[in-house]
Amino acid sequence: MSRTVADVVADLGGFREARVVGSRRAGPDGVDTLNALFHARLAAPGPAFRLRVGEPVMWVKNDCDRDLFNGTMGYVTDAQIDGRFSVDFDGRVLELGPDDLDSIELAYAATAHKLQGSSFPRVVVPVLSNRNMDRTLIYTAITRAQIQVVLVGDPKHIAGIIEAPPRPSIREVGFGRAALELPSREPGRMGSDG
């Protein structure tokens, strides 16, 4: 599946045009697996370093001092063997260093949850069975696209996921009546510890 997804992205114009929206981080169809594959296959030659020039990245922490927030997307513009690198975040290039590596991830692919609020010209969605995959996730993924969406997977399987009820609607959640009742207190009287 991951190689098919990579081929589809290439056919759509590459990662400046398309983004992979996944359902989970781990597993054979997970975004961590896809990011490692795309990094190995597509990253420009350069120093043996975690990030390479041109790679899409995502800032994953909130840093108000630098006006960077969890989910901010950018592209690596420079990467040095000593761990220094630069990222273009929507026209604002920031010089970053080894201490910032824990705050940044490859973003060839990201989960639908992580990309809420983002949009891309084209979106590729690998559709495989896992506990996160349901029609609400597919909806969230396809609404990230401005122009085109490509669902990758078996058409009958995809139709089955779309036709099935969303997972939250079939989940049994409840509390017994006793759990919902609050102890009564006399008006104006504090508890025993107050």
Protein backbone atom coordinates (compact mmCIF):
# COMPACT_ATOMS: atom_id res chain seq x y z
CA MET A 1 0.00 0.00 0.00
CA SER A 2 2.72 2.52 0.94
CA ARG A 3 4.45 2.23 -2.43
CA THR A 4 1.13 2.71 -4.23
CA VAL A 5 0.47 5.83 -2.14
CA ALA A 6 3.93 7.17 -3.04
CA ASP A 7 3.25 6.57 -6.73
CA VAL A 8 -0.12 8.34 -6.53
CA VAL A 9 1.47 11.36 -4.86
CA ALA A 10 4.14 11.48 -7.57
CA ASP A 11 1.44 11.33 -10.26
CA LEU A 12 -0.36 14.25 -8.58
CA GLY A 13 2.71 16.51 -8.72
CA GLY A 14 4.59 15.59 -5.55
CA PHE A 15 4.40 16.89 -2.02
CA ARG A 16 4.14 20.57 -2.94
CA GLU A 17 0.77 19.66 -4.45
CA ALA A 18 -0.43 16.66 -2.44
CA ARG A 19 -0.44 15.45 1.14
CA VAL A 20 -1.18 12.00 2.54
CA VAL A 21 -3.86 11.97 5.22
CA GLY A 22 -3.78 8.81 7.31
CA SER A 23 -5.88 7.29 10.05
CA ARG A 24 -3.13 6.35 12.52
CA ARG A 25 0.53 6.86 13.35
CA ALA A 26 1.72 3.24 13.65
CA GLY A 27 1.29 0.18 11.47
CA PRO A 28 1.97 -0.62 7.80
CA ASP A 29 -0.38 2.17 6.66
CA GLY A 30 0.56 4.50 9.51
CA VAL A 31 1.94 7.96 8.89
CA ASP A 32 5.23 7.13 10.65
CA THR A 33 5.80 4.28 8.16
CA LEU A 34 4.79 6.46 5.21
CA ASN A 35 7.01 9.36 6.32
CA ALA A 36 10.03 7.01 6.65
CA LEU A 37 9.36 5.57 3.19
CA PHE A 38 8.97 8.99 1.56
CA HIS A 39 12.07 10.31 3.35
CA ALA A 40 14.14 7.37 2.06
CA ARG A 41 12.67 7.50 -1.44
CA LEU A 42 12.15 11.19 -2.14
CA ALA A 43 14.40 13.32 0.03
CA ALA A 44 17.04 15.27 -1.83
CA PRO A 45 20.56 13.93 -1.44
CA GLY A 46 22.37 15.58 1.41
CA PRO A 47 24.11 15.01 4.70
CA ALA A 48 23.13 11.92 6.66
CA PHE A 49 20.76 13.91 8.83
CA ARG A 50 17.17 13.51 9.94
CA LEU A 51 15.86 16.32 7.72
CA ARG A 52 16.78 17.23 4.17
CA VAL A 53 16.18 20.29 2.01
CA GLY A 54 12.71 20.39 0.50
CA GLU A 55 11.05 18.02 2.94
CA PRO A 56 7.63 18.95 4.34
CA VAL A 57 7.64 19.23 8.12
CA MET A 58 5.24 20.00 10.96
CA TRP A 59 5.98 21.84 14.18
CA VAL A 60 4.43 19.75 16.99
CA LYS A 61 4.60 21.96 20.09
CA ASN A 62 3.36 25.40 21.03
CA ASP A 63 6.10 28.06 21.12
CA CYS A 64 4.49 31.48 21.54
CA ASP A 65 7.87 33.26 21.59
CA ARG A 66 8.53 32.15 18.00
CA ASP A 67 4.86 32.25 16.97
CA LEU A 68 4.92 28.51 16.22
CA PHE A 69 2.04 26.29 17.19
CA ASN A 70 1.27 22.60 17.14
CA GLY A 71 0.40 21.73 13.54
CA THR A 72 2.25 24.60 11.81
CA MET A 73 3.48 23.30 8.43
CA GLY A 74 6.61 24.22 6.53
CA TYR A 75 9.43 23.07 4.23
CA VAL A 76 13.08 22.57 5.10
CA THR A 77 15.20 25.16 3.27
CA ASP A 78 18.61 24.25 4.73
CA ALA A 79 19.97 21.30 6.73
CA GLN A 80 23.46 20.92 8.14
CA ILE A 81 25.27 17.83 9.43
CA ASP A 82 25.68 19.52 12.84
CA GLY A 83 21.91 19.57 13.34
CA ARG A 84 21.22 23.17 12.36
CA PHE A 85 18.41 23.61 9.86
CA SER A 86 16.05 26.24 8.46
CA VAL A 87 12.35 25.91 7.78
CA ASP A 88 10.08 28.11 5.70
CA PHE A 89 6.79 28.42 7.58
CA ASP A 90 4.49 30.19 5.10
CA GLY A 91 7.14 32.65 3.92
CA ARG A 92 8.80 33.09 7.31
CA VAL A 93 12.16 31.29 7.40
CA LEU A 94 13.35 30.31 10.87
CA GLU A 95 16.85 29.13 11.77
CA LEU A 96 16.54 26.12 14.08
CA GLY A 97 19.00 23.86 15.85
CA PRO A 98 19.48 20.43 17.37
CA ASP A 99 17.39 21.39 20.43
CA ASP A 100 14.41 21.93 18.10
CA LEU A 101 14.45 18.43 16.59
CA ASP A 102 12.00 17.14 19.20
CA SER A 103 9.56 19.84 18.12
CA ILE A 104 9.45 18.95 14.45
CA GLU A 105 8.33 15.91 12.45
CA LEU A 106 8.31 14.92 8.82
CA ALA A 107 4.95 15.76 7.26
CA TYR A 108 4.77 13.93 3.96
CA ALA A 109 1.88 12.20 5.74
CA ALA A 110 -0.05 13.14 8.86
CA THR A 111 -3.14 11.88 10.61
CA ALA A 112 -6.52 13.38 9.81
CA HIS A 113 -6.72 14.43 13.46
CA LYS A 114 -3.43 16.34 13.25
CA LEU A 115 -4.42 18.06 9.98
CA GLN A 116 -7.78 19.42 11.11
CA GLY A 117 -7.78 23.04 10.07
CA SER A 118 -5.19 22.51 7.31
CA SER A 119 -5.83 22.26 3.59
CA PHE A 120 -3.85 21.18 0.53
CA PRO A 121 -4.53 21.26 -3.21
CA ARG A 122 -4.70 17.45 -3.34
CA VAL A 123 -5.12 14.79 -0.69
CA VAL A 124 -4.33 11.07 -0.83
CA VAL A 125 -6.06 8.84 1.72
CA PRO A 126 -4.88 5.24 2.25
CA VAL A 127 -7.96 3.27 3.33
CA LEU A 128 -7.24 0.08 5.25
CA SER A 129 -9.11 -1.51 8.13
CA ASN A 130 -8.03 -0.38 11.56
CA ARG A 131 -9.86 0.78 14.67
CA ASN A 132 -9.65 4.45 13.62
CA MET A 133 -10.93 4.05 10.08
CA ASP A 134 -14.59 4.94 9.63
CA ARG A 135 -16.60 7.31 7.47
CA THR A 136 -16.12 10.25 9.83
CA LEU A 137 -12.34 9.94 9.45
CA ILE A 138 -12.68 9.67 5.67
CA TYR A 139 -14.86 12.80 5.72
CA THR A 140 -12.28 14.70 7.78
CA ALA A 141 -9.51 13.54 5.42
CA ILE A 142 -11.28 14.47 2.18
CA THR A 143 -12.29 17.89 3.48
CA ARG A 144 -8.58 18.78 3.70
CA ALA A 145 -8.49 18.86 -0.14
CA GLN A 146 -9.05 22.03 -2.15
CA ILE A 147 -9.07 20.44 -5.63
CA GLN A 148 -8.80 16.66 -5.64
CA VAL A 149 -9.00 13.60 -3.39
CA VAL A 150 -7.68 10.12 -4.17
CA LEU A 151 -8.74 7.22 -1.93
CA VAL A 152 -6.25 4.35 -2.18
CA GLY A 153 -7.58 0.89 -1.41
CA ASP A 154 -10.05 -1.73 -2.55
CA PRO A 155 -13.21 0.05 -3.83
CA LYS A 156 -15.57 -2.49 -2.21
CA HIS A 157 -13.76 -2.14 1.10
CA ILE A 158 -13.91 1.67 0.91
CA ALA A 159 -17.65 1.52 0.10
CA GLY A 160 -18.20 -0.75 3.11
CA ILE A 161 -16.44 1.69 5.44
CA ILE A 162 -18.45 4.62 4.09
CA GLU A 163 -21.77 2.73 4.38
CA ALA A 164 -21.13 1.46 7.91
CA PRO A 165 -22.26 3.56 10.88
CA PRO A 166 -19.54 5.72 12.43
CA ARG A 167 -17.65 3.93 15.21
CA PRO A 168 -18.75 6.35 17.96
CA SER A 169 -22.42 5.62 17.19
CA ILE A 170 -21.97 1.90 17.91
CA ARG A 171 -19.83 2.34 21.02
CA GLU A 172 -21.63 1.62 24.27
CA VAL A 173 -20.91 4.28 26.83
CA GLY A 174 -22.88 4.89 29.95
CA PHE A 175 -22.90 5.47 33.62
CA GLY A 176 -25.20 4.00 36.20
CA ARG A 177 -27.67 6.36 37.80
CA ALA A 178 -25.69 6.33 41.04
CA ALA A 179 -22.61 7.63 39.25
CA LEU A 180 -24.55 10.66 38.02
CA GLU A 181 -26.11 11.64 41.33
CA LEU A 182 -24.24 14.26 43.27
CA PRO A 183 -24.34 14.37 47.04
CA SER A 184 -26.72 17.00 48.29
CA ARG A 185 -25.48 19.80 50.51
CA GLU A 186 -27.35 22.19 52.68
CA PRO A 187 -27.40 25.68 51.23
CA GLY A 188 -24.62 27.86 52.67
CA ARG A 189 -22.85 24.97 54.39
CA MET A 190 -19.34 23.90 53.39
CA GLY A 191 -18.18 20.31 53.34
CA SER A 192 -16.30 18.73 56.22
CA ASP A 193 -12.94 19.87 54.85
CA GLY A 194 -13.92 23.49 54.35
